[in-house]
C-alpha atoms as a PDB file:
ATOM      1  CA  UNK A   1     -91.466-198.418 -28.467  1.00  0.00           C
ATOM      2  CA  UNK A   2     -92.450-196.186 -31.365  1.00  0.00           C
ATOM      3  CA  UNK A   3     -89.572-194.460 -33.216  1.00  0.00           C
ATOM      4  CA  UNK A   4     -91.097-191.077 -32.361  1.00  0.00           C
ATOM      5  CA  UNK A   5     -90.955-191.996 -28.670  1.00  0.00           C
ATOM      6  CA  UNK A   6     -87.225-192.648 -29.006  1.00  0.00           C
ATOM      7  CA  UNK A   7     -86.823-189.187 -30.510  1.00  0.00           C
ATOM      8  CA  UNK A   8     -88.436-187.640 -27.430  1.00  0.00           C
ATOM      9  CA  UNK A   9     -85.626-188.848 -25.188  1.00  0.00           C
ATOM     10  CA  UNK A  10     -83.251-186.235 -26.610  1.00  0.00           C
ATOM     11  CA  UNK A  11     -85.678-183.336 -26.123  1.00  0.00           C
ATOM     12  CA  UNK A  12     -85.375-181.391 -22.880  1.00  0.00           C
ATOM     13  CA  UNK A  13     -89.088-180.579 -22.732  1.00  0.00           C
ATOM     14  CA  UNK A  14     -89.976-184.298 -22.574  1.00  0.00           C
ATOM     15  CA  UNK A  15     -86.989-185.383 -20.503  1.00  0.00           C
ATOM     16  CA  UNK A  16     -88.973-186.343 -17.405  1.00  0.00           C
ATOM     17  CA  UNK A  17     -91.582-188.478 -19.166  1.00  0.00           C
ATOM     18  CA  UNK A  18     -91.440-192.224 -18.594  1.00  0.00           C
ATOM     19  CA  UNK A  19     -91.582-194.725 -21.434  1.00  0.00           C
ATOM     20  CA  UNK A  20     -95.350-195.159 -21.262  1.00  0.00           C
ATOM     21  CA  UNK A  21     -95.956-191.416 -21.327  1.00  0.00           C
ATOM     22  CA  UNK A  22     -93.545-190.954 -24.238  1.00  0.00           C
ATOM     23  CA  UNK A  23     -95.281-193.718 -26.139  1.00  0.00           C
ATOM     24  CA  UNK A  24     -98.685-192.130 -25.508  1.00  0.00           C
ATOM     25  CA  UNK A  25     -97.453-188.725 -26.555  1.00  0.00           C
ATOM     26  CA  UNK A  26     -95.619-190.091 -29.599  1.00  0.00           C
ATOM     27  CA  UNK A  27     -98.963-191.014 -31.075  1.00  0.00           C
ATOM     28  CA  UNK A  28     -99.805-187.310 -31.187  1.00  0.00           C
ATOM     29  CA  UNK A  29     -96.540-186.273 -32.872  1.00  0.00           C
ATOM     30  CA  UNK A  30     -95.600-185.899 -36.484  1.00  0.00           C
ATOM     31  CA  UNK A  31     -91.966-185.966 -37.598  1.00  0.00           C
ATOM     32  CA  UNK A  32     -91.357-183.231 -40.168  1.00  0.00           C
ATOM     33  CA  UNK A  33     -88.218-182.187 -42.010  1.00  0.00           C
ATOM     34  CA  UNK A  34     -87.147-178.848 -43.439  1.00  0.00           C
ATOM     35  CA  UNK A  35     -84.354-178.110 -45.880  1.00  0.00           C
ATOM     36  CA  UNK A  36     -81.878-175.318 -45.219  1.00  0.00           C
ATOM     37  CA  UNK A  37     -83.523-171.985 -46.039  1.00  0.00           C
ATOM     38  CA  UNK A  38     -87.054-173.404 -45.954  1.00  0.00           C
ATOM     39  CA  UNK A  39     -89.701-171.421 -44.081  1.00  0.00           C
ATOM     40  CA  UNK A  40     -91.340-173.267 -41.185  1.00  0.00           C
ATOM     41  CA  UNK A  41     -94.033-170.596 -40.772  1.00  0.00           C
ATOM     42  CA  UNK A  42     -94.416-166.845 -41.355  1.00  0.00           C
ATOM     43  CA  UNK A  43     -95.770-163.916 -39.401  1.00  0.00           C
ATOM     44  CA  UNK A  44     -99.562-163.939 -39.505  1.00  0.00           C
ATOM     45  CA  UNK A  45     -99.944-167.664 -40.219  1.00  0.00           C
ATOM     46  CA  UNK A  46    -102.454-169.476 -37.994  1.00  0.00           C
ATOM     47  CA  UNK A  47    -100.805-170.966 -34.911  1.00  0.00           C
ATOM     48  CA  UNK A  48    -101.849-174.570 -35.191  1.00  0.00           C
ATOM     49  CA  UNK A  49     -98.784-176.448 -33.938  1.00  0.00           C
ATOM     50  CA  UNK A  50     -95.661-176.338 -31.811  1.00  0.00           C
ATOM     51  CA  UNK A  51     -92.338-177.559 -33.223  1.00  0.00           C
ATOM     52  CA  UNK A  52     -89.669-179.249 -31.143  1.00  0.00           C
ATOM     53  CA  UNK A  53     -86.254-179.222 -32.829  1.00  0.00           C
ATOM     54  CA  UNK A  54     -84.694-182.677 -32.919  1.00  0.00           C
ATOM     55  CA  UNK A  55     -81.722-181.853 -35.167  1.00  0.00           C
ATOM     56  CA  UNK A  56     -80.533-178.828 -37.116  1.00  0.00           C
ATOM     57  CA  UNK A  57     -81.475-175.262 -36.201  1.00  0.00           C
ATOM     58  CA  UNK A  58     -84.109-172.635 -36.995  1.00  0.00           C
ATOM     59  CA  UNK A  59     -84.082-168.855 -36.702  1.00  0.00           C
ATOM     60  CA  UNK A  60     -87.020-166.749 -35.504  1.00  0.00           C
ATOM     61  CA  UNK A  61     -87.154-163.163 -36.763  1.00  0.00           C
ATOM     62  CA  UNK A  62     -89.511-160.269 -37.444  1.00  0.00           C
ATOM     63  CA  UNK A  63     -89.428-156.790 -38.976  1.00  0.00           C
ATOM     64  CA  UNK A  64     -90.033-153.697 -36.894  1.00  0.00           C
ATOM     65  CA  UNK A  65     -91.870-150.544 -37.998  1.00  0.00           C
ATOM     66  CA  UNK A  66     -88.771-149.257 -39.790  1.00  0.00           C
ATOM     67  CA  UNK A  67     -88.410-152.414 -41.879  1.00  0.00           C
ATOM     68  CA  UNK A  68     -85.331-153.655 -40.047  1.00  0.00           C
ATOM     69  CA  UNK A  69     -85.118-157.443 -39.652  1.00  0.00           C
ATOM     70  CA  UNK A  70     -84.603-158.472 -36.036  1.00  0.00           C
ATOM     71  CA  UNK A  71     -83.408-161.963 -35.143  1.00  0.00           C
ATOM     72  CA  UNK A  72     -85.289-162.939 -31.999  1.00  0.00           C
ATOM     73  CA  UNK A  73     -83.791-166.343 -31.342  1.00  0.00           C
ATOM     74  CA  UNK A  74     -81.904-169.236 -32.879  1.00  0.00           C
ATOM     75  CA  UNK A  75     -83.412-172.521 -31.722  1.00  0.00           C
ATOM     76  CA  UNK A  76     -81.091-175.506 -31.558  1.00  0.00           C
ATOM     77  CA  UNK A  77     -81.849-179.206 -30.885  1.00  0.00           C
ATOM     78  CA  UNK A  78     -83.884-179.648 -27.715  1.00  0.00           C
ATOM     79  CA  UNK A  79     -85.587-176.272 -28.091  1.00  0.00           C
ATOM     80  CA  UNK A  80     -89.089-175.530 -29.290  1.00  0.00           C
ATOM     81  CA  UNK A  81     -90.816-172.817 -31.285  1.00  0.00           C
ATOM     82  CA  UNK A  82     -94.393-171.735 -32.002  1.00  0.00           C
ATOM     83  CA  UNK A  83     -95.750-172.197 -28.484  1.00  0.00           C
ATOM     84  CA  UNK A  84     -97.151-168.645 -28.143  1.00  0.00           C
ATOM     85  CA  UNK A  85     -99.626-168.869 -31.025  1.00  0.00           C
ATOM     86  CA  UNK A  86    -100.510-172.428 -30.090  1.00  0.00           C
ATOM     87  CA  UNK A  87    -101.398-171.415 -26.534  1.00  0.00           C
ATOM     88  CA  UNK A  88    -103.317-168.196 -27.215  1.00  0.00           C
ATOM     89  CA  UNK A  89    -104.830-169.254 -30.548  1.00  0.00           C
ATOM     90  CA  UNK A  90    -103.559-166.114 -32.293  1.00  0.00           C
ATOM     91  CA  UNK A  91    -101.518-165.770 -35.501  1.00  0.00           C
ATOM     92  CA  UNK A  92     -97.786-166.355 -35.621  1.00  0.00           C
ATOM     93  CA  UNK A  93     -95.820-163.481 -34.109  1.00  0.00           C
ATOM     94  CA  UNK A  94     -92.549-164.212 -35.950  1.00  0.00           C
ATOM     95  CA  UNK A  95     -91.168-165.830 -39.077  1.00  0.00           C
ATOM     96  CA  UNK A  96     -89.172-169.021 -38.549  1.00  0.00           C
ATOM     97  CA  UNK A  97     -86.711-170.268 -41.177  1.00  0.00           C
ATOM     98  CA  UNK A  98     -84.507-173.353 -41.046  1.00  0.00           C
ATOM     99  CA  UNK A  99     -80.867-172.237 -41.124  1.00  0.00           C
ATOM    100  CA  UNK A 100     -79.766-175.797 -41.896  1.00  0.00           C
ATOM    101  CA  UNK A 101     -81.349-179.162 -42.618  1.00  0.00           C
ATOM    102  CA  UNK A 102     -83.729-179.637 -39.697  1.00  0.00           C
ATOM    103  CA  UNK A 103     -85.819-182.452 -38.266  1.00  0.00           C
ATOM    104  CA  UNK A 104     -88.611-181.448 -35.905  1.00  0.00           C
ATOM    105  CA  UNK A 105     -91.488-182.960 -33.966  1.00  0.00           C
ATOM    106  CA  UNK A 106     -94.818-181.302 -34.734  1.00  0.00           C
ATOM    107  CA  UNK A 107     -97.263-181.146 -31.827  1.00  0.00           C
ATOM    108  CA  UNK A 108    -100.778-179.766 -32.402  1.00  0.00           C
ATOM    109  CA  UNK A 109    -103.137-178.312 -29.782  1.00  0.00           C
ATOM    110  CA  UNK A 110    -104.824-181.614 -28.974  1.00  0.00           C
ATOM    111  CA  UNK A 111    -101.461-183.291 -28.485  1.00  0.00           C
ATOM    112  CA  UNK A 112    -100.246-180.417 -26.317  1.00  0.00           C
ATOM    113  CA  UNK A 113    -103.317-180.641 -24.083  1.00  0.00           C
ATOM    114  CA  UNK A 114    -102.767-184.355 -23.672  1.00  0.00           C
ATOM    115  CA  UNK A 115     -99.083-183.806 -22.908  1.00  0.00           C
ATOM    116  CA  UNK A 116     -99.790-181.133 -20.288  1.00  0.00           C
ATOM    117  CA  UNK A 117    -102.367-183.459 -18.770  1.00  0.00           C
ATOM    118  CA  UNK A 118     -99.628-186.066 -18.388  1.00  0.00           C
ATOM    119  CA  UNK A 119     -96.948-183.649 -17.141  1.00  0.00           C
ATOM    120  CA  UNK A 120     -98.426-180.395 -15.776  1.00  0.00           C
ATOM    121  CA  UNK A 121     -94.912-179.361 -14.662  1.00  0.00           C
ATOM    122  CA  UNK A 122     -93.945-178.893 -18.322  1.00  0.00           C
ATOM    123  CA  UNK A 123     -96.234-175.844 -18.427  1.00  0.00           C
ATOM    124  CA  UNK A 124     -93.596-173.996 -16.399  1.00  0.00           C
ATOM    125  CA  UNK A 125     -91.003-174.778 -19.075  1.00  0.00           C
ATOM    126  CA  UNK A 126     -93.290-173.354 -21.723  1.00  0.00           C
ATOM    127  CA  UNK A 127     -93.941-170.214 -19.674  1.00  0.00           C
ATOM    128  CA  UNK A 128     -90.243-169.753 -18.943  1.00  0.00           C
ATOM    129  CA  UNK A 129     -89.397-170.037 -22.649  1.00  0.00           C
ATOM    130  CA  UNK A 130     -92.123-167.563 -23.564  1.00  0.00           C
ATOM    131  CA  UNK A 131     -90.967-165.099 -20.925  1.00  0.00           C
ATOM    132  CA  UNK A 132     -87.342-165.349 -22.033  1.00  0.00           C
ATOM    133  CA  UNK A 133     -88.290-164.800 -25.677  1.00  0.00           C
ATOM    134  CA  UNK A 134     -90.554-161.841 -24.879  1.00  0.00           C
ATOM    135  CA  UNK A 135     -87.905-160.259 -22.665  1.00  0.00           C
ATOM    136  CA  UNK A 136     -85.271-160.593 -25.395  1.00  0.00           C
ATOM    137  CA  UNK A 137     -87.659-159.249 -28.044  1.00  0.00           C
ATOM    138  CA  UNK A 138     -88.550-156.240 -25.902  1.00  0.00           C
ATOM    139  CA  UNK A 139     -84.880-155.459 -25.338  1.00  0.00           C
ATOM    140  CA  UNK A 140     -84.116-155.654 -29.051  1.00  0.00           C
ATOM    141  CA  UNK A 141     -87.084-153.475 -29.979  1.00  0.00           C
ATOM    142  CA  UNK A 142     -86.153-150.926 -27.320  1.00  0.00           C
ATOM    143  CA  UNK A 143     -82.779-150.349 -28.941  1.00  0.00           C
ATOM    144  CA  UNK A 144     -83.720-150.546 -32.624  1.00  0.00           C
ATOM    145  CA  UNK A 145     -83.646-146.767 -33.057  1.00  0.00           C
ATOM    146  CA  UNK A 146     -80.610-146.044 -30.887  1.00  0.00           C
ATOM    147  CA  UNK A 147     -77.964-147.084 -33.362  1.00  0.00           C
ATOM    148  CA  UNK A 148     -74.514-145.704 -33.953  1.00  0.00           C
ATOM    149  CA  UNK A 149     -73.764-144.613 -37.493  1.00  0.00           C
ATOM    150  CA  UNK A 150     -70.104-145.533 -37.037  1.00  0.00           C
ATOM    151  CA  UNK A 151     -71.140-149.069 -36.092  1.00  0.00           C
ATOM    152  CA  UNK A 152     -73.623-149.286 -38.950  1.00  0.00           C
ATOM    153  CA  UNK A 153     -70.980-148.200 -41.493  1.00  0.00           C
ATOM    154  CA  UNK A 154     -68.016-150.284 -40.444  1.00  0.00           C
ATOM    155  CA  UNK A 155     -64.602-149.509 -41.932  1.00  0.00           C
ATOM    156  CA  UNK A 156     -64.515-152.093 -44.744  1.00  0.00           C
ATOM    157  CA  UNK A 157     -62.701-149.796 -47.160  1.00  0.00           C
ATOM    158  CA  UNK A 158     -60.287-151.174 -49.700  1.00  0.00           C
ATOM    159  CA  UNK A 159     -56.786-149.747 -50.101  1.00  0.00           C
ATOM    160  CA  UNK A 160     -57.968-147.654 -53.068  1.00  0.00           C
ATOM    161  CA  UNK A 161     -60.887-146.235 -51.065  1.00  0.00           C
ATOM    162  CA  UNK A 162     -58.622-145.372 -48.142  1.00  0.00           C
ATOM    163  CA  UNK A 163     -56.183-143.682 -50.535  1.00  0.00           C
ATOM    164  CA  UNK A 164     -59.059-141.763 -52.148  1.00  0.00           C
ATOM    165  CA  UNK A 165     -60.282-140.535 -48.752  1.00  0.00           C
ATOM    166  CA  UNK A 166     -56.768-139.432 -47.753  1.00  0.00           C
ATOM    167  CA  UNK A 167     -56.125-137.653 -51.046  1.00  0.00           C
ATOM    168  CA  UNK A 168     -59.521-135.918 -50.948  1.00  0.00           C
ATOM    169  CA  UNK A 169     -58.880-134.760 -47.388  1.00  0.00           C
ATOM    170  CA  UNK A 170     -55.341-133.588 -48.184  1.00  0.00           C
ATOM    171  CA  UNK A 171     -56.470-131.759 -51.349  1.00  0.00           C
ATOM    172  CA  UNK A 172     -58.705-129.539 -49.231  1.00  0.00           C
ATOM    173  CA  UNK A 173     -55.971-128.498 -46.794  1.00  0.00           C
ATOM    174  CA  UNK A 174     -53.844-125.343 -46.526  1.00  0.00           C
ATOM    175  CA  UNK A 175     -50.720-127.489 -46.842  1.00  0.00           C
ATOM    176  CA  UNK A 176     -51.833-128.633 -50.305  1.00  0.00           C
ATOM    177  CA  UNK A 177     -52.409-125.022 -51.332  1.00  0.00           C
ATOM    178  CA  UNK A 178     -49.034-123.820 -50.068  1.00  0.00           C
ATOM    179  CA  UNK A 179     -47.190-126.692 -51.751  1.00  0.00           C
ATOM    180  CA  UNK A 180     -48.775-125.764 -55.080  1.00  0.00           C
ATOM    181  CA  UNK A 181     -47.939-122.086 -54.628  1.00  0.00           C
ATOM    182  CA  UNK A 182     -44.289-122.999 -54.054  1.00  0.00           C
ATOM    183  CA  UNK A 183     -44.310-125.538 -56.900  1.00  0.00           C
ATOM    184  CA  UNK A 184     -45.819-123.120 -59.428  1.00  0.00           C
ATOM    185  CA  UNK A 185     -43.557-120.294 -58.303  1.00  0.00           C
ATOM    186  CA  UNK A 186     -40.368-122.336 -58.726  1.00  0.00           C
ATOM    187  CA  UNK A 187     -41.536-123.827 -62.041  1.00  0.00           C
ATOM    188  CA  UNK A 188     -42.478-120.477 -63.579  1.00  0.00           C
ATOM    189  CA  UNK A 189     -39.401-118.699 -62.242  1.00  0.00           C
ATOM    190  CA  UNK A 190     -36.918-121.249 -63.555  1.00  0.00           C
ATOM    191  CA  UNK A 191     -38.572-121.471 -66.957  1.00  0.00           C
ATOM    192  CA  UNK A 192     -39.195-117.740 -67.398  1.00  0.00           C
ATOM    193  CA  UNK A 193     -35.757-116.470 -66.378  1.00  0.00           C
ATOM    194  CA  UNK A 194     -32.607-117.945 -67.892  1.00  0.00           C
ATOM    195  CA  UNK A 195     -30.166-118.892 -65.120  1.00  0.00           C
ATOM    196  CA  UNK A 196     -26.638-120.142 -65.744  1.00  0.00           C
ATOM    197  CA  UNK A 197     -26.293-123.922 -65.448  1.00  0.00           C
ATOM    198  CA  UNK A 198     -30.056-124.553 -65.103  1.00  0.00           C
ATOM    199  CA  UNK A 199     -31.828-125.729 -68.274  1.00  0.00           C
ATOM    200  CA  UNK A 200     -35.327-124.459 -69.107  1.00  0.00           C
ATOM    201  CA  UNK A 201     -37.329-127.686 -69.549  1.00  0.00           C
ATOM    202  CA  UNK A 202     -40.682-125.926 -70.053  1.00  0.00           C
ATOM    203  CA  UNK A 203     -40.258-122.473 -71.595  1.00  0.00           C
ATOM    204  CA  UNK A 204     -43.158-120.092 -72.254  1.00  0.00           C
ATOM    205  CA  UNK A 205     -46.062-120.800 -72.825  1.00  0.00           C
ATOM    206  CA  UNK A 206     -45.422-123.575 -70.262  1.00  0.00           C
ATOM    207  CA  UNK A 207     -47.181-126.386 -72.126  1.00  0.00           C
ATOM    208  CA  UNK A 208     -45.779-129.149 -69.931  1.00  0.00           C
ATOM    209  CA  UNK A 209     -47.017-127.390 -66.771  1.00  0.00           C
ATOM    210  CA  UNK A 210     -50.465-127.044 -68.327  1.00  0.00           C
ATOM    211  CA  UNK A 211     -50.537-130.782 -69.128  1.00  0.00           C
ATOM    212  CA  UNK A 212     -49.360-131.701 -65.638  1.00  0.00           C
ATOM    213  CA  UNK A 213     -51.956-129.522 -63.933  1.00  0.00           C
ATOM    214  CA  UNK A 214     -54.737-130.898 -66.180  1.00  0.00           C
ATOM    215  CA  UNK A 215     -53.822-134.510 -65.364  1.00  0.00           C
ATOM    216  CA  UNK A 216     -53.623-133.672 -61.674  1.00  0.00           C
ATOM    217  CA  UNK A 217     -57.068-132.055 -61.804  1.00  0.00           C
ATOM    218  CA  UNK A 218     -58.561-135.140 -63.513  1.00  0.00           C
ATOM    219  CA  UNK A 219     -57.158-137.575 -60.960  1.00  0.00           C
ATOM    220  CA  UNK A 220     -58.042-135.338 -58.020  1.00  0.00           C
ATOM    221  CA  UNK A 221     -61.643-135.007 -59.224  1.00  0.00           C
ATOM    222  CA  UNK A 222     -61.965-138.804 -59.445  1.00  0.00           C
ATOM    223  CA  UNK A 223     -60.600-139.303 -55.935  1.00  0.00           C
ATOM    224  CA  UNK A 224     -62.824-136.552 -54.552  1.00  0.00           C
ATOM    225  CA  UNK A 225     -65.923-138.086 -56.205  1.00  0.00           C
ATOM    226  CA  UNK A 226     -65.061-141.524 -54.786  1.00  0.00           C
ATOM    227  CA  UNK A 227     -64.747-140.044 -51.325  1.00  0.00           C
ATOM    228  CA  UNK A 228     -67.964-138.042 -51.703  1.00  0.00           C
ATOM    229  CA  UNK A 229     -69.906-141.144 -52.784  1.00  0.00           C
ATOM    230  CA  UNK A 230     -68.779-142.977 -49.658  1.00  0.00           C
ATOM    231  CA  UNK A 231     -69.692-139.998 -47.501  1.00  0.00           C
ATOM    232  CA  UNK A 232     -73.105-139.813 -49.193  1.00  0.00           C
ATOM    233  CA  UNK A 233     -73.729-143.472 -48.318  1.00  0.00           C
ATOM    234  CA  UNK A 234     -72.783-142.758 -44.715  1.00  0.00           C
ATOM    235  CA  UNK A 235     -75.087-139.723 -44.676  1.00  0.00           C
ATOM    236  CA  UNK A 236     -77.959-141.904 -45.916  1.00  0.00           C
ATOM    237  CA  UNK A 237     -77.416-144.274 -42.989  1.00  0.00           C
ATOM    238  CA  UNK A 238     -77.316-141.296 -40.636  1.00  0.00           C
ATOM    239  CA  UNK A 239     -80.600-140.032 -42.112  1.00  0.00           C
ATOM    240  CA  UNK A 240     -82.200-143.437 -41.641  1.00  0.00           C
ATOM    241  CA  UNK A 241     -81.080-143.512 -38.013  1.00  0.00           C
ATOM    242  CA  UNK A 242     -82.417-140.005 -37.433  1.00  0.00           C
ATOM    243  CA  UNK A 243     -85.737-141.128 -38.929  1.00  0.00           C
ATOM    244  CA  UNK A 244     -85.758-144.133 -36.582  1.00  0.00           C
ATOM    245  CA  UNK A 245     -85.086-141.870 -33.603  1.00  0.00           C
ATOM    246  CA  UNK A 246     -87.853-139.473 -34.638  1.00  0.00           C
ATOM    247  CA  UNK A 247     -90.254-142.371 -35.138  1.00  0.00           C
ATOM    248  CA  UNK A 248     -89.411-143.783 -31.732  1.00  0.00           C
ATOM    249  CA  UNK A 249     -89.900-140.358 -30.132  1.00  0.00           C
ATOM    250  CA  UNK A 250     -93.245-139.976 -31.890  1.00  0.00           C
ATOM    251  CA  UNK A 251     -94.413-143.382 -30.668  1.00  0.00           C
ATOM    252  CA  UNK A 252     -93.331-142.523 -27.132  1.00  0.00           C
ATOM    253  CA  UNK A 253     -95.247-139.232 -27.313  1.00  0.00           C
ATOM    254  CA  UNK A 254     -98.345-141.069 -28.547  1.00  0.00           C
ATOM    255  CA  UNK A 255     -98.030-143.516 -25.660  1.00  0.00           C
ATOM    256  CA  UNK A 256     -97.687-140.638 -23.198  1.00  0.00           C
ATOM    257  CA  UNK A 257    -100.789-138.962 -24.653  1.00  0.00           C
ATOM    258  CA  UNK A 258    -102.733-142.185 -24.296  1.00  0.00           C
ATOM    259  CA  UNK A 259    -101.606-142.538 -20.683  1.00  0.00           C
ATOM    260  CA  UNK A 260    -102.571-138.946 -19.946  1.00  0.00           C
ATOM    261  CA  UNK A 261    -105.970-139.455 -21.570  1.00  0.00           C
ATOM    262  CA  UNK A 262    -106.558-142.543 -19.460  1.00  0.00           C
ATOM    263  CA  UNK A 263    -105.457-140.742 -16.299  1.00  0.00           C
ATOM    264  CA  UNK A 264    -107.660-137.745 -17.122  1.00  0.00           C
ATOM    265  CA  UNK A 265    -110.649-139.972 -17.793  1.00  0.00           C
ATOM    266  CA  UNK A 266    -110.022-141.856 -14.565  1.00  0.00           C
ATOM    267  CA  UNK A 267    -109.747-138.630 -12.539  1.00  0.00           C
ATOM    268  CA  UNK A 268    -112.921-137.221 -14.102  1.00  0.00           C
ATOM    269  CA  UNK A 269    -114.725-140.482 -13.385  1.00  0.00           C
ATOM    270  CA  UNK A 270    -113.608-140.405  -9.769  1.00  0.00           C
ATOM    271  CA  UNK A 271    -114.628-136.737  -9.406  1.00  0.00           C
ATOM    272  CA  UNK A 272    -118.032-137.465 -10.881  1.00  0.00           C
ATOM    273  CA  UNK A 273    -118.432-140.403  -8.525  1.00  0.00           C
ATOM    274  CA  UNK A 274    -117.458-138.241  -5.528  1.00  0.00           C
ATOM    275  CA  UNK A 275    -119.878-135.525  -6.640  1.00  0.00           C
ATOM    276  CA  UNK A 276    -122.723-138.010  -6.919  1.00  0.00           C
ATOM    277  CA  UNK A 277    -121.911-139.440  -3.511  1.00  0.00           C
ATOM    278  CA  UNK A 278    -121.837-135.897  -2.102  1.00  0.00           C
ATOM    279  CA  UNK A 279    -125.296-135.206  -3.527  1.00  0.00           C
ATOM    280  CA  UNK A 280    -126.630-138.418  -2.021  1.00  0.00           C
ATOM    281  CA  UNK A 281    -125.173-137.553   1.375  1.00  0.00           C
ATOM    282  CA  UNK A 282    -126.615-134.012   1.168  1.00  0.00           C
ATOM    283  CA  UNK A 283    -130.023-135.372   0.255  1.00  0.00           C
ATOM    284  CA  UNK A 284    -129.875-137.877   3.108  1.00  0.00           C
ATOM    285  CA  UNK A 285    -128.986-135.204   5.669  1.00  0.00           C
ATOM    286  CA  UNK A 286    -131.572-132.838   4.239  1.00  0.00           C
END
C-alpha cells in the first residue's frame, strides 16, 4: 500500500474507505508540509485544492469591514480546510496559517471528484463542515460591533498605574481640598504666631512650605497625566466601538432599504400584472 494511503487511515473524512479505495485515492493526493507561521493560502487566492490536516494545526481567519481580525476556526488533525472554494470554484474566503509545524494532504478538484465518486456519502461530511463553519462565521460577524469597552480594555494595570489612578482620583475630591485647607492653616498659624513650647520650623516667608507645595504639585501633575493617558486610550477604544456600532447600523439600514425596494418593485409588478389582466377581462366581456 502506498504511504499516502496509510496516512488516510487517520483522517476522519476517509475513515470508511477500504484499502483499494484508499490506494486509488492516494494516487490523487500530494503530501505537503508547512512550517509554523507559514501561510497555506490567503483571502482571494484561487481555490484549487482542499487540504486535509494529518498532523499539526492551522487557523482560518479573515478581517471584517472594521479591520478586526476574526478567527473562524482552528483545524486540528483529521479536519480539512479549503473545501468551499474548491466546490464552488470561487476565490478563497479566508486566510489559513499554520499555527505549528503541519503536514497535510492536498486534494485537487479532479481528485475530489474521483473521491466523491467512490464514496458519495462523504459529500454529507463536506456539507456539514461547510454549514458549521458558515454558522460560526455568521455568529462572529453578527457580534463584531457589539463589544464592551470594559472587556476590550481589561484591567492589566501595574501597581504604579493603579497608584496613579487612585492619586489622580483622590486629588480631585473635596476631602483632598479640606485636608489641604487644614494643613495650610495649621502650618501658617504655628509659624506666624510664636507659641510657648512650640518651635517655628518655617518662619515667614515660609520657604519650606513653598518647596513642599511645589514638589507636591510636580508629583501630582505626573500622576494625573499618567491617569489621563490611560483614560485617553480607553476613550479611543470606546470611539472605535461607537464607530463599529454606527457602521453596523448603517449596513442594516442599507439592507432594509434594499428589502423595501425589492418589496415595492414586487408590489408594483403585481399591480401592473393585475391591471393588465383586468384590461384583458374587460376587453373579453366587451
